[in-house]
């Protein structure tokens, strides 16, 4: 299993810390087997969970050039027309995917094109499904202009547990399918804002896979 680079320091630190903890327990508490062995089992389980969280699956999309791929794993929690006030300042079709702590937390580019806008916003840590999390939580906003001249806004949103948003894209950068957009650590959410008239390919409550599931296609 391949591990994501964002987990390097956390995996190294947790490995050292758990090894030190168990070395100390078996050295100082060797006669208390009801403490040392359960602690060892719990340490191995915790280490495995950390490795699982930072897993990086090998995926390639099957999308056409006019389709948008899900930027993340999770469940579709919003499909509605809304007013997007930060960049477009007009009505857009919003599709939101909630990522639980068990999902792969890599974020992928949803379409090919050129990055036209990037901005990071510090903020609160409301639960990711809260209606105000899109505008009040810590978040990043990235806009990609597709070759059709349509634009899609991708917003990474921190949740109650997510305390770090990582994004790799910069303005004027050319991007393509299968490239990483960023990473969100622990439970979180990703919003997409598309042109009105985009054809939605998913339903509310549907589970989607990042860089694989088709969320929508561009309007004609």
Foldseek 3Di string as FASTA:
>chain_A
DDFDPVLVVVLVVLVVVLVVVLVVCCVVVVVPCVPNVVSNVVSVVVSVLSRQQRDDDDDAAPDDQQFWFFQAWAFWADWDWDQDCPPPRGIFTKIKGWDASNTHFWTWGGHWAFKADKDWDDADAAAQNDPCQQPGHGKMWIWGQGPVRWIKIKMWTHHNPWDDWFADDDGGDTDHQPGTGTGIHHITMMMMTGHPQWAADDDGGDTHHRSYDTGTGHHD
